[in-house]
Amino acid sequence: KLKYIDQVEKNTWAHPAFWSPFIQIGNSKPIQIQRKMAYTPWY
């Protein structure tokens, strides 16, 4: 949300109507997510 607020192009789009409707409910522990292997030019 903070990244969205700070990087949005127009002032109106930083209004809380656009970023604050989403809330997190319940257990807030970190979780594991499997990312796909990035085949970078270096790799």
All heavy atoms as atom14 arrays in JSON, in Angstrom:
{
  "sequence": "KLKYIDQVEKNTWAHPAFWSPFIQIGNSKPIQIQRKMAYTPWY",
  "atom14_mask": [
    [1, 1, 1, 1, 1, 1, 1, 1, 1, 0, 0, 0, 0, 0],
    [1, 1, 1, 1, 1, 1, 1, 1, 0, 0, 0, 0, 0, 0],
    [1, 1, 1, 1, 1, 1, 1, 1, 1, 0, 0, 0, 0, 0],
    [1, 1, 1, 1, 1, 1, 1, 1, 1, 1, 1, 1, 0, 0],
    [1, 1, 1, 1, 1, 1, 1, 1, 0, 0, 0, 0, 0, 0],
    [1, 1, 1, 1, 1, 1, 1, 1, 0, 0, 0, 0, 0, 0],
    [1, 1, 1, 1, 1, 1, 1, 1, 1, 0, 0, 0, 0, 0],
    [1, 1, 1, 1, 1, 1, 1, 0, 0, 0, 0, 0, 0, 0],
    [1, 1, 1, 1, 1, 1, 1, 1, 1, 0, 0, 0, 0, 0],
    [1, 1, 1, 1, 1, 1, 1, 1, 1, 0, 0, 0, 0, 0],
    [1, 1, 1, 1, 1, 1, 1, 1, 0, 0, 0, 0, 0, 0],
    [1, 1, 1, 1, 1, 1, 1, 0, 0, 0, 0, 0, 0, 0],
    [1, 1, 1, 1, 1, 1, 1, 1, 1, 1, 1, 1, 1, 1],
    [1, 1, 1, 1, 1, 0, 0, 0, 0, 0, 0, 0, 0, 0],
    [1, 1, 1, 1, 1, 1, 1, 1, 1, 1, 0, 0, 0, 0],
    [1, 1, 1, 1, 1, 1, 1, 0, 0, 0, 0, 0, 0, 0],
    [1, 1, 1, 1, 1, 0, 0, 0, 0, 0, 0, 0, 0, 0],
    [1, 1, 1, 1, 1, 1, 1, 1, 1, 1, 1, 0, 0, 0],
    [1, 1, 1, 1, 1, 1, 1, 1, 1, 1, 1, 1, 1, 1],
    [1, 1, 1, 1, 1, 1, 0, 0, 0, 0, 0, 0, 0, 0],
    [1, 1, 1, 1, 1, 1, 1, 0, 0, 0, 0, 0, 0, 0],
    [1, 1, 1, 1, 1, 1, 1, 1, 1, 1, 1, 0, 0, 0],
    [1, 1, 1, 1, 1, 1, 1, 1, 0, 0, 0, 0, 0, 0],
    [1, 1, 1, 1, 1, 1, 1, 1, 1, 0, 0, 0, 0, 0],
    [1, 1, 1, 1, 1, 1, 1, 1, 0, 0, 0, 0, 0, 0],
    [1, 1, 1, 1, 0, 0, 0, 0, 0, 0, 0, 0, 0, 0],
    [1, 1, 1, 1, 1, 1, 1, 1, 0, 0, 0, 0, 0, 0],
    [1, 1, 1, 1, 1, 1, 0, 0, 0, 0, 0, 0, 0, 0],
    [1, 1, 1, 1, 1, 1, 1, 1, 1, 0, 0, 0, 0, 0],
    [1, 1, 1, 1, 1, 1, 1, 0, 0, 0, 0, 0, 0, 0],
    [1, 1, 1, 1, 1, 1, 1, 1, 0, 0, 0, 0, 0, 0],
    [1, 1, 1, 1, 1, 1, 1, 1, 1, 0, 0, 0, 0, 0],
    [1, 1, 1, 1, 1, 1, 1, 1, 0, 0, 0, 0, 0, 0],
    [1, 1, 1, 1, 1, 1, 1, 1, 1, 0, 0, 0, 0, 0],
    [1, 1, 1, 1, 1, 1, 1, 1, 1, 1, 1, 0, 0, 0],
    [1, 1, 1, 1, 1, 1, 1, 1, 1, 0, 0, 0, 0, 0],
    [1, 1, 1, 1, 1, 1, 1, 1, 0, 0, 0, 0, 0, 0],
    [1, 1, 1, 1, 1, 0, 0, 0, 0, 0, 0, 0, 0, 0],
    [1, 1, 1, 1, 1, 1, 1, 1, 1, 1, 1, 1, 0, 0],
    [1, 1, 1, 1, 1, 1, 1, 0, 0, 0, 0, 0, 0, 0],
    [1, 1, 1, 1, 1, 1, 1, 0, 0, 0, 0, 0, 0, 0],
    [1, 1, 1, 1, 1, 1, 1, 1, 1, 1, 1, 1, 1, 1],
    [1, 1, 1, 1, 1, 1, 1, 1, 1, 1, 1, 1, 0, 0]
  ],
  "atom14_positions": [
    [[0.83, -1.21, 0.0], [0.0, 0.0, 0.0], [0.86, 1.26, 0.0], [0.59, 2.21, -0.75], [-0.91, 0.01, 1.22], [-2.03, -1.02, 1.18], [-2.85, -0.98, 2.46], [-4.02, -1.93, 2.43], [-4.81, -1.88, 3.68], [0.0, 0.0, 0.0], [0.0, 0.0, 0.0], [0.0, 0.0, 0.0], [0.0, 0.0, 0.0], [0.0, 0.0, 0.0]],
    [[1.9, 1.27, 0.83], [2.76, 2.45, 0.9], [3.47, 2.69, -0.43], [3.65, 3.84, -0.86], [3.78, 2.29, 2.03], [3.21, 2.36, 3.45], [4.31, 2.08, 4.48], [2.59, 3.73, 3.72], [0.0, 0.0, 0.0], [0.0, 0.0, 0.0], [0.0, 0.0, 0.0], [0.0, 0.0, 0.0], [0.0, 0.0, 0.0], [0.0, 0.0, 0.0]],
    [[3.9, 1.61, -1.08], [4.56, 1.77, -2.38], [3.58, 2.35, -3.39], [3.95, 3.22, -4.2], [5.09, 0.42, -2.86], [5.92, 0.52, -4.14], [6.59, -0.81, -4.46], [7.47, -0.68, -5.7], [8.19, -1.95, -6.01], [0.0, 0.0, 0.0], [0.0, 0.0, 0.0], [0.0, 0.0, 0.0], [0.0, 0.0, 0.0], [0.0, 0.0, 0.0]],
    [[2.34, 1.88, -3.33], [1.33, 2.42, -4.24], [1.1, 3.91, -3.98], [1.08, 4.72, -4.91], [0.01, 1.65, -4.07], [-1.13, 2.28, -4.83], [-1.31, 2.04, -6.19], [-2.02, 3.15, -4.2], [-2.34, 2.64, -6.89], [-3.06, 3.75, -4.89], [-3.21, 3.49, -6.23], [-4.22, 4.1, -6.93], [0.0, 0.0, 0.0], [0.0, 0.0, 0.0]],
    [[0.95, 4.29, -2.71], [0.71, 5.7, -2.35], [1.85, 6.58, -2.84], [1.63, 7.66, -3.4], [0.56, 5.84, -0.82], [-0.67, 5.11, -0.32], [0.49, 7.33, -0.42], [-0.74, 4.99, 1.2], [0.0, 0.0, 0.0], [0.0, 0.0, 0.0], [0.0, 0.0, 0.0], [0.0, 0.0, 0.0], [0.0, 0.0, 0.0], [0.0, 0.0, 0.0]],
    [[3.07, 6.13, -2.63], [4.24, 6.97, -2.91], [4.6, 7.02, -4.4], [5.3, 7.94, -4.83], [5.45, 6.46, -2.12], [5.26, 6.63, -0.61], [4.46, 7.5, -0.21], [5.9, 5.89, 0.16], [0.0, 0.0, 0.0], [0.0, 0.0, 0.0], [0.0, 0.0, 0.0], [0.0, 0.0, 0.0], [0.0, 0.0, 0.0], [0.0, 0.0, 0.0]],
    [[4.13, 6.05, -5.19], [4.54, 6.01, -6.59], [3.42, 6.33, -7.58], [3.69, 6.5, -8.77], [5.11, 4.63, -6.92], [6.41, 4.32, -6.21], [7.02, 3.02, -6.66], [6.4, 2.21, -7.34], [8.27, 2.79, -6.28], [0.0, 0.0, 0.0], [0.0, 0.0, 0.0], [0.0, 0.0, 0.0], [0.0, 0.0, 0.0], [0.0, 0.0, 0.0]],
    [[2.18, 6.43, -7.11], [1.07, 6.7, -8.02], [1.26, 8.06, -8.69], [1.74, 9.01, -8.08], [-0.28, 6.62, -7.27], [-0.47, 7.79, -6.33], [-1.43, 6.51, -8.24], [0.0, 0.0, 0.0], [0.0, 0.0, 0.0], [0.0, 0.0, 0.0], [0.0, 0.0, 0.0], [0.0, 0.0, 0.0], [0.0, 0.0, 0.0], [0.0, 0.0, 0.0]],
    [[0.9, 8.15, -9.96], [1.2, 9.34, -10.75], [0.33, 10.54, -10.4], [0.82, 11.67, -10.27], [1.05, 9.01, -12.25], [2.07, 8.0, -12.75], [1.88, 7.68, -14.21], [0.98, 8.28, -14.84], [2.63, 6.83, -14.73], [0.0, 0.0, 0.0], [0.0, 0.0, 0.0], [0.0, 0.0, 0.0], [0.0, 0.0, 0.0], [0.0, 0.0, 0.0]],
    [[-0.98, 10.34, -10.25], [-1.88, 11.46, -10.0], [-2.29, 11.51, -8.53], [-2.5, 10.48, -7.9], [-3.14, 11.34, -10.88], [-2.85, 11.46, -12.37], [-4.15, 11.38, -13.17], [-3.89, 11.5, -14.66], [-5.14, 11.41, -15.46], [0.0, 0.0, 0.0], [0.0, 0.0, 0.0], [0.0, 0.0, 0.0], [0.0, 0.0, 0.0], [0.0, 0.0, 0.0]],
    [[-2.44, 12.71, -7.99], [-2.78, 12.89, -6.59], [-4.07, 12.17, -6.23], [-4.16, 11.51, -5.18], [-2.91, 14.38, -6.27], [-3.39, 14.61, -4.85], [-2.86, 14.03, -3.91], [-4.4, 15.45, -4.69], [0.0, 0.0, 0.0], [0.0, 0.0, 0.0], [0.0, 0.0, 0.0], [0.0, 0.0, 0.0], [0.0, 0.0, 0.0], [0.0, 0.0, 0.0]],
    [[-5.08, 12.26, -7.08], [-6.37, 11.65, -6.77], [-6.25, 10.15, -6.54], [-6.91, 9.58, -5.68], [-7.38, 11.91, -7.91], [-7.52, 13.31, -8.1], [-8.75, 11.31, -7.58], [0.0, 0.0, 0.0], [0.0, 0.0, 0.0], [0.0, 0.0, 0.0], [0.0, 0.0, 0.0], [0.0, 0.0, 0.0], [0.0, 0.0, 0.0], [0.0, 0.0, 0.0]],
    [[-5.36, 9.49, -7.3], [-5.22, 8.04, -7.19], [-4.55, 7.62, -5.88], [-4.54, 6.43, -5.55], [-4.46, 7.49, -8.39], [-5.11, 7.81, -9.69], [-4.66, 8.67, -10.66], [-6.37, 7.32, -10.18], [-5.53, 8.74, -11.71], [-6.6, 7.92, -11.43], [-7.32, 6.43, -9.66], [-7.74, 7.65, -12.19], [-8.45, 6.17, -10.42], [-8.66, 6.78, -11.66]],
    [[-3.99, 8.57, -5.15], [-3.43, 8.25, -3.83], [-4.47, 8.33, -2.73], [-4.18, 8.07, -1.56], [-2.27, 9.2, -3.52], [0.0, 0.0, 0.0], [0.0, 0.0, 0.0], [0.0, 0.0, 0.0], [0.0, 0.0, 0.0], [0.0, 0.0, 0.0], [0.0, 0.0, 0.0], [0.0, 0.0, 0.0], [0.0, 0.0, 0.0], [0.0, 0.0, 0.0]],
    [[-5.69, 8.69, -3.09], [-6.79, 8.75, -2.12], [-6.99, 7.36, -1.5], [-6.87, 6.33, -2.19], [-8.07, 9.2, -2.83], [-9.21, 9.52, -1.91], [-9.89, 8.56, -1.2], [-9.78, 10.72, -1.57], [-10.83, 9.13, -0.47], [-10.79, 10.44, -0.68], [0.0, 0.0, 0.0], [0.0, 0.0, 0.0], [0.0, 0.0, 0.0], [0.0, 0.0, 0.0]],
    [[-7.29, 7.27, -0.2], [-7.48, 5.97, 0.45], [-8.54, 5.07, -0.19], [-8.52, 3.86, 0.02], [-7.88, 6.35, 1.88], [-7.26, 7.68, 2.09], [-7.35, 8.38, 0.77], [0.0, 0.0, 0.0], [0.0, 0.0, 0.0], [0.0, 0.0, 0.0], [0.0, 0.0, 0.0], [0.0, 0.0, 0.0], [0.0, 0.0, 0.0], [0.0, 0.0, 0.0]],
    [[-9.43, 5.66, -0.97], [-10.44, 4.83, -1.66], [-9.78, 3.77, -2.52], [-10.34, 2.68, -2.7], [-11.32, 5.73, -2.53], [0.0, 0.0, 0.0], [0.0, 0.0, 0.0], [0.0, 0.0, 0.0], [0.0, 0.0, 0.0], [0.0, 0.0, 0.0], [0.0, 0.0, 0.0], [0.0, 0.0, 0.0], [0.0, 0.0, 0.0], [0.0, 0.0, 0.0]],
    [[-8.58, 4.05, -3.03], [-7.93, 3.15, -3.97], [-7.0, 2.14, -3.3], [-6.74, 1.08, -3.88], [-7.16, 3.97, -5.01], [-8.05, 4.86, -5.83], [-8.24, 6.19, -5.48], [-8.73, 4.37, -6.92], [-9.09, 7.02, -6.22], [-9.58, 5.18, -7.67], [-9.76, 6.51, -7.31], [0.0, 0.0, 0.0], [0.0, 0.0, 0.0], [0.0, 0.0, 0.0]],
    [[-6.48, 2.45, -2.1], [-5.52, 1.52, -1.48], [-5.97, 0.94, -0.15], [-5.43, -0.09, 0.28], [-4.17, 2.21, -1.28], [-4.2, 3.49, -0.47], [-4.24, 4.77, -0.95], [-4.17, 3.62, 0.96], [-4.24, 5.68, 0.08], [-4.19, 5.0, 1.27], [-4.11, 2.71, 2.01], [-4.19, 5.48, 2.58], [-4.1, 3.18, 3.31], [-4.14, 4.55, 3.59]],
    [[-6.95, 1.55, 0.51], [-7.29, 1.06, 1.86], [-8.44, 0.06, 1.94], [-8.7, -0.45, 3.04], [-7.6, 2.24, 2.78], [-8.83, 2.87, 2.43], [0.0, 0.0, 0.0], [0.0, 0.0, 0.0], [0.0, 0.0, 0.0], [0.0, 0.0, 0.0], [0.0, 0.0, 0.0], [0.0, 0.0, 0.0], [0.0, 0.0, 0.0], [0.0, 0.0, 0.0]],
    [[-9.16, -0.29, 0.85], [-10.23, -1.27, 1.03], [-9.74, -2.65, 1.44], [-10.46, -3.39, 2.11], [-10.9, -1.32, -0.35], [-9.91, -0.79, -1.31], [-9.14, 0.23, -0.53], [0.0, 0.0, 0.0], [0.0, 0.0, 0.0], [0.0, 0.0, 0.0], [0.0, 0.0, 0.0], [0.0, 0.0, 0.0], [0.0, 0.0, 0.0], [0.0, 0.0, 0.0]],
    [[-8.5, -3.0, 1.08], [-7.99, -4.33, 1.42], [-7.42, -4.36, 2.84], [-6.61, -3.51, 3.21], [-6.93, -4.78, 0.42], [-7.51, -5.15, -0.9], [-7.38, -4.3, -1.99], [-8.22, -6.34, -1.06], [-7.94, -4.64, -3.21], [-8.77, -6.68, -2.28], [-8.64, -5.83, -3.35], [0.0, 0.0, 0.0], [0.0, 0.0, 0.0], [0.0, 0.0, 0.0]],
    [[-7.87, -5.34, 3.62], [-7.38, -5.51, 4.99], [-6.97, -6.97, 5.19], [-7.43, -7.86, 4.47], [-8.44, -5.12, 6.04], [-9.7, -6.02, 5.92], [-8.81, -3.64, 5.9], [-10.7, -5.81, 7.04], [0.0, 0.0, 0.0], [0.0, 0.0, 0.0], [0.0, 0.0, 0.0], [0.0, 0.0, 0.0], [0.0, 0.0, 0.0], [0.0, 0.0, 0.0]],
    [[-6.09, -7.18, 6.16], [-5.63, -8.54, 6.47], [-6.3, -9.0, 7.76], [-6.22, -8.33, 8.8], [-4.11, -8.58, 6.62], [-3.54, -9.99, 6.71], [-3.22, -10.42, 8.14], [-2.61, -9.7, 8.88], [-3.66, -11.61, 8.5], [0.0, 0.0, 0.0], [0.0, 0.0, 0.0], [0.0, 0.0, 0.0], [0.0, 0.0, 0.0], [0.0, 0.0, 0.0]],
    [[-6.96, -10.13, 7.71], [-7.69, -10.68, 8.85], [-7.04, -11.99, 9.27], [-6.71, -12.83, 8.43], [-9.17, -10.94, 8.5], [-9.86, -9.66, 8.04], [-9.91, -11.52, 9.69], [-11.29, -9.88, 7.55], [0.0, 0.0, 0.0], [0.0, 0.0, 0.0], [0.0, 0.0, 0.0], [0.0, 0.0, 0.0], [0.0, 0.0, 0.0], [0.0, 0.0, 0.0]],
    [[-6.84, -12.17, 10.58], [-6.37, -13.45, 11.09], [-4.87, -13.51, 11.28], [-4.19, -12.5, 11.44], [0.0, 0.0, 0.0], [0.0, 0.0, 0.0], [0.0, 0.0, 0.0], [0.0, 0.0, 0.0], [0.0, 0.0, 0.0], [0.0, 0.0, 0.0], [0.0, 0.0, 0.0], [0.0, 0.0, 0.0], [0.0, 0.0, 0.0], [0.0, 0.0, 0.0]],
    [[-4.34, -14.73, 11.25], [-2.93, -15.01, 11.49], [-2.06, -14.24, 10.49], [-2.28, -14.31, 9.29], [-2.72, -16.52, 11.34], [-1.36, -16.96, 11.78], [-0.36, -16.37, 11.39], [-1.3, -18.02, 12.57], [0.0, 0.0, 0.0], [0.0, 0.0, 0.0], [0.0, 0.0, 0.0], [0.0, 0.0, 0.0], [0.0, 0.0, 0.0], [0.0, 0.0, 0.0]],
    [[-1.08, -13.51, 11.01], [-0.24, -12.69, 10.12], [1.17, -13.26, 9.93], [2.05, -12.58, 9.42], [-0.14, -11.26, 10.66], [0.41, -11.26, 11.95], [0.0, 0.0, 0.0], [0.0, 0.0, 0.0], [0.0, 0.0, 0.0], [0.0, 0.0, 0.0], [0.0, 0.0, 0.0], [0.0, 0.0, 0.0], [0.0, 0.0, 0.0], [0.0, 0.0, 0.0]],
    [[1.4, -14.51, 10.32], [2.73, -15.11, 10.2], [3.22, -15.11, 8.75], [2.44, -15.18, 7.82], [2.7, -16.56, 10.7], [2.49, -16.73, 12.19], [2.47, -18.2, 12.55], [2.24, -18.42, 14.05], [2.19, -19.86, 14.37], [0.0, 0.0, 0.0], [0.0, 0.0, 0.0], [0.0, 0.0, 0.0], [0.0, 0.0, 0.0], [0.0, 0.0, 0.0]],
    [[4.54, -15.06, 8.55], [5.1, -15.2, 7.2], [4.75, -16.57, 6.63], [4.5, -17.53, 7.37], [6.61, -15.06, 7.42], [6.76, -14.39, 8.74], [5.59, -14.83, 9.56], [0.0, 0.0, 0.0], [0.0, 0.0, 0.0], [0.0, 0.0, 0.0], [0.0, 0.0, 0.0], [0.0, 0.0, 0.0], [0.0, 0.0, 0.0], [0.0, 0.0, 0.0]],
    [[4.74, -16.68, 5.32], [4.45, -17.95, 4.66], [5.49, -18.2, 3.57], [6.18, -17.29, 3.13], [3.04, -17.97, 4.04], [2.85, -16.77, 3.1], [1.98, -17.99, 5.11], [1.52, -16.76, 2.39], [0.0, 0.0, 0.0], [0.0, 0.0, 0.0], [0.0, 0.0, 0.0], [0.0, 0.0, 0.0], [0.0, 0.0, 0.0], [0.0, 0.0, 0.0]],
    [[5.58, -19.46, 3.16], [6.51, -19.85, 2.11], [5.8, -19.82, 0.76], [4.7, -20.36, 0.62], [7.06, -21.25, 2.37], [7.89, -21.37, 3.63], [9.18, -20.57, 3.55], [9.82, -20.5, 2.5], [9.55, -19.95, 4.66], [0.0, 0.0, 0.0], [0.0, 0.0, 0.0], [0.0, 0.0, 0.0], [0.0, 0.0, 0.0], [0.0, 0.0, 0.0]],
    [[6.41, -19.19, -0.22], [5.86, -19.18, -1.58], [6.96, -19.63, -2.54], [8.08, -19.13, -2.48], [5.39, -17.77, -2.0], [4.4, -17.21, -0.98], [4.73, -17.82, -3.37], [3.9, -15.84, -1.35], [0.0, 0.0, 0.0], [0.0, 0.0, 0.0], [0.0, 0.0, 0.0], [0.0, 0.0, 0.0], [0.0, 0.0, 0.0], [0.0, 0.0, 0.0]],
    [[6.63, -20.57, -3.41], [7.6, -21.06, -4.39], [7.66, -20.11, -5.58], [6.7, -20.0, -6.34], [7.19, -22.45, -4.88], [7.49, -23.57, -3.93], [7.25, -24.92, -4.6], [7.15, -25.02, -5.83], [7.16, -25.96, -3.8], [0.0, 0.0, 0.0], [0.0, 0.0, 0.0], [0.0, 0.0, 0.0], [0.0, 0.0, 0.0], [0.0, 0.0, 0.0]],
    [[8.78, -19.43, -5.74], [8.99, -18.6, -6.92], [9.58, -19.45, -8.04], [10.33, -20.39, -7.79], [9.97, -17.46, -6.62], [9.44, -16.4, -5.66], [10.36, -15.2, -5.65], [10.24, -14.46, -6.89], [9.48, -13.37, -7.03], [8.8, -12.9, -6.01], [9.41, -12.75, -8.19], [0.0, 0.0, 0.0], [0.0, 0.0, 0.0], [0.0, 0.0, 0.0]],
    [[9.22, -19.09, -9.24], [9.83, -19.76, -10.38], [11.27, -19.32, -10.53], [11.61, -18.17, -10.2], [9.05, -19.44, -11.66], [7.69, -20.12, -11.73], [6.98, -19.83, -13.03], [5.66, -20.58, -13.1], [4.91, -20.25, -14.33], [0.0, 0.0, 0.0], [0.0, 0.0, 0.0], [0.0, 0.0, 0.0], [0.0, 0.0, 0.0], [0.0, 0.0, 0.0]],
    [[12.12, -20.21, -11.0], [13.53, -19.88, -11.17], [13.66, -18.81, -12.25], [13.09, -18.92, -13.34], [14.33, -21.11, -11.56], [15.84, -20.86, -11.65], [16.75, -22.38, -12.02], [16.51, -23.31, -10.52], [0.0, 0.0, 0.0], [0.0, 0.0, 0.0], [0.0, 0.0, 0.0], [0.0, 0.0, 0.0], [0.0, 0.0, 0.0], [0.0, 0.0, 0.0]],
    [[14.39, -17.77, -11.93], [14.59, -16.68, -12.89], [15.79, -16.99, -13.77], [16.92, -17.08, -13.29], [14.81, -15.36, -12.16], [0.0, 0.0, 0.0], [0.0, 0.0, 0.0], [0.0, 0.0, 0.0], [0.0, 0.0, 0.0], [0.0, 0.0, 0.0], [0.0, 0.0, 0.0], [0.0, 0.0, 0.0], [0.0, 0.0, 0.0], [0.0, 0.0, 0.0]],
    [[15.56, -17.13, -15.05], [16.65, -17.42, -15.99], [17.23, -16.09, -16.47], [16.95, -15.62, -17.57], [16.13, -18.27, -17.15], [15.74, -19.65, -16.72], [14.41, -19.95, -16.43], [16.7, -20.65, -16.57], [14.05, -21.22, -16.02], [16.35, -21.93, -16.16], [15.02, -22.21, -15.89], [14.66, -23.46, -15.47], [0.0, 0.0, 0.0], [0.0, 0.0, 0.0]],
    [[18.05, -15.51, -15.64], [18.66, -14.22, -15.97], [19.79, -14.42, -16.97], [20.31, -15.53, -17.14], [19.24, -13.57, -14.7], [20.27, -14.43, -14.19], [18.17, -13.38, -13.64], [0.0, 0.0, 0.0], [0.0, 0.0, 0.0], [0.0, 0.0, 0.0], [0.0, 0.0, 0.0], [0.0, 0.0, 0.0], [0.0, 0.0, 0.0], [0.0, 0.0, 0.0]],
    [[20.21, -13.37, -17.68], [21.35, -13.49, -18.61], [22.59, -14.05, -17.94], [23.34, -14.82, -18.53], [21.55, -12.04, -19.08], [20.2, -11.43, -18.96], [19.58, -12.06, -17.74], [0.0, 0.0, 0.0], [0.0, 0.0, 0.0], [0.0, 0.0, 0.0], [0.0, 0.0, 0.0], [0.0, 0.0, 0.0], [0.0, 0.0, 0.0], [0.0, 0.0, 0.0]],
    [[22.8, -13.67, -16.66], [23.96, -14.17, -15.92], [23.9, -15.68, -15.76], [24.86, -16.4, -16.0], [23.98, -13.5, -14.55], [25.04, -14.03, -13.62], [26.36, -13.7, -13.59], [24.84, -14.98, -12.57], [27.0, -14.4, -12.59], [26.09, -15.19, -11.95], [23.73, -15.69, -12.1], [26.25, -16.06, -10.89], [23.89, -16.56, -11.04], [25.15, -16.74, -10.45]],
    [[22.7, -16.17, -15.41], [22.51, -17.6, -15.21], [22.67, -18.34, -16.55], [23.33, -19.37, -16.64], [21.12, -17.85, -14.62], [20.8, -19.31, -14.4], [21.23, -19.97, -13.24], [20.07, -20.04, -15.34], [20.93, -21.31, -13.03], [19.78, -21.37, -15.14], [20.21, -21.99, -13.97], [19.91, -23.32, -13.77], [0.0, 0.0, 0.0], [0.0, 0.0, 0.0]]
  ]
}
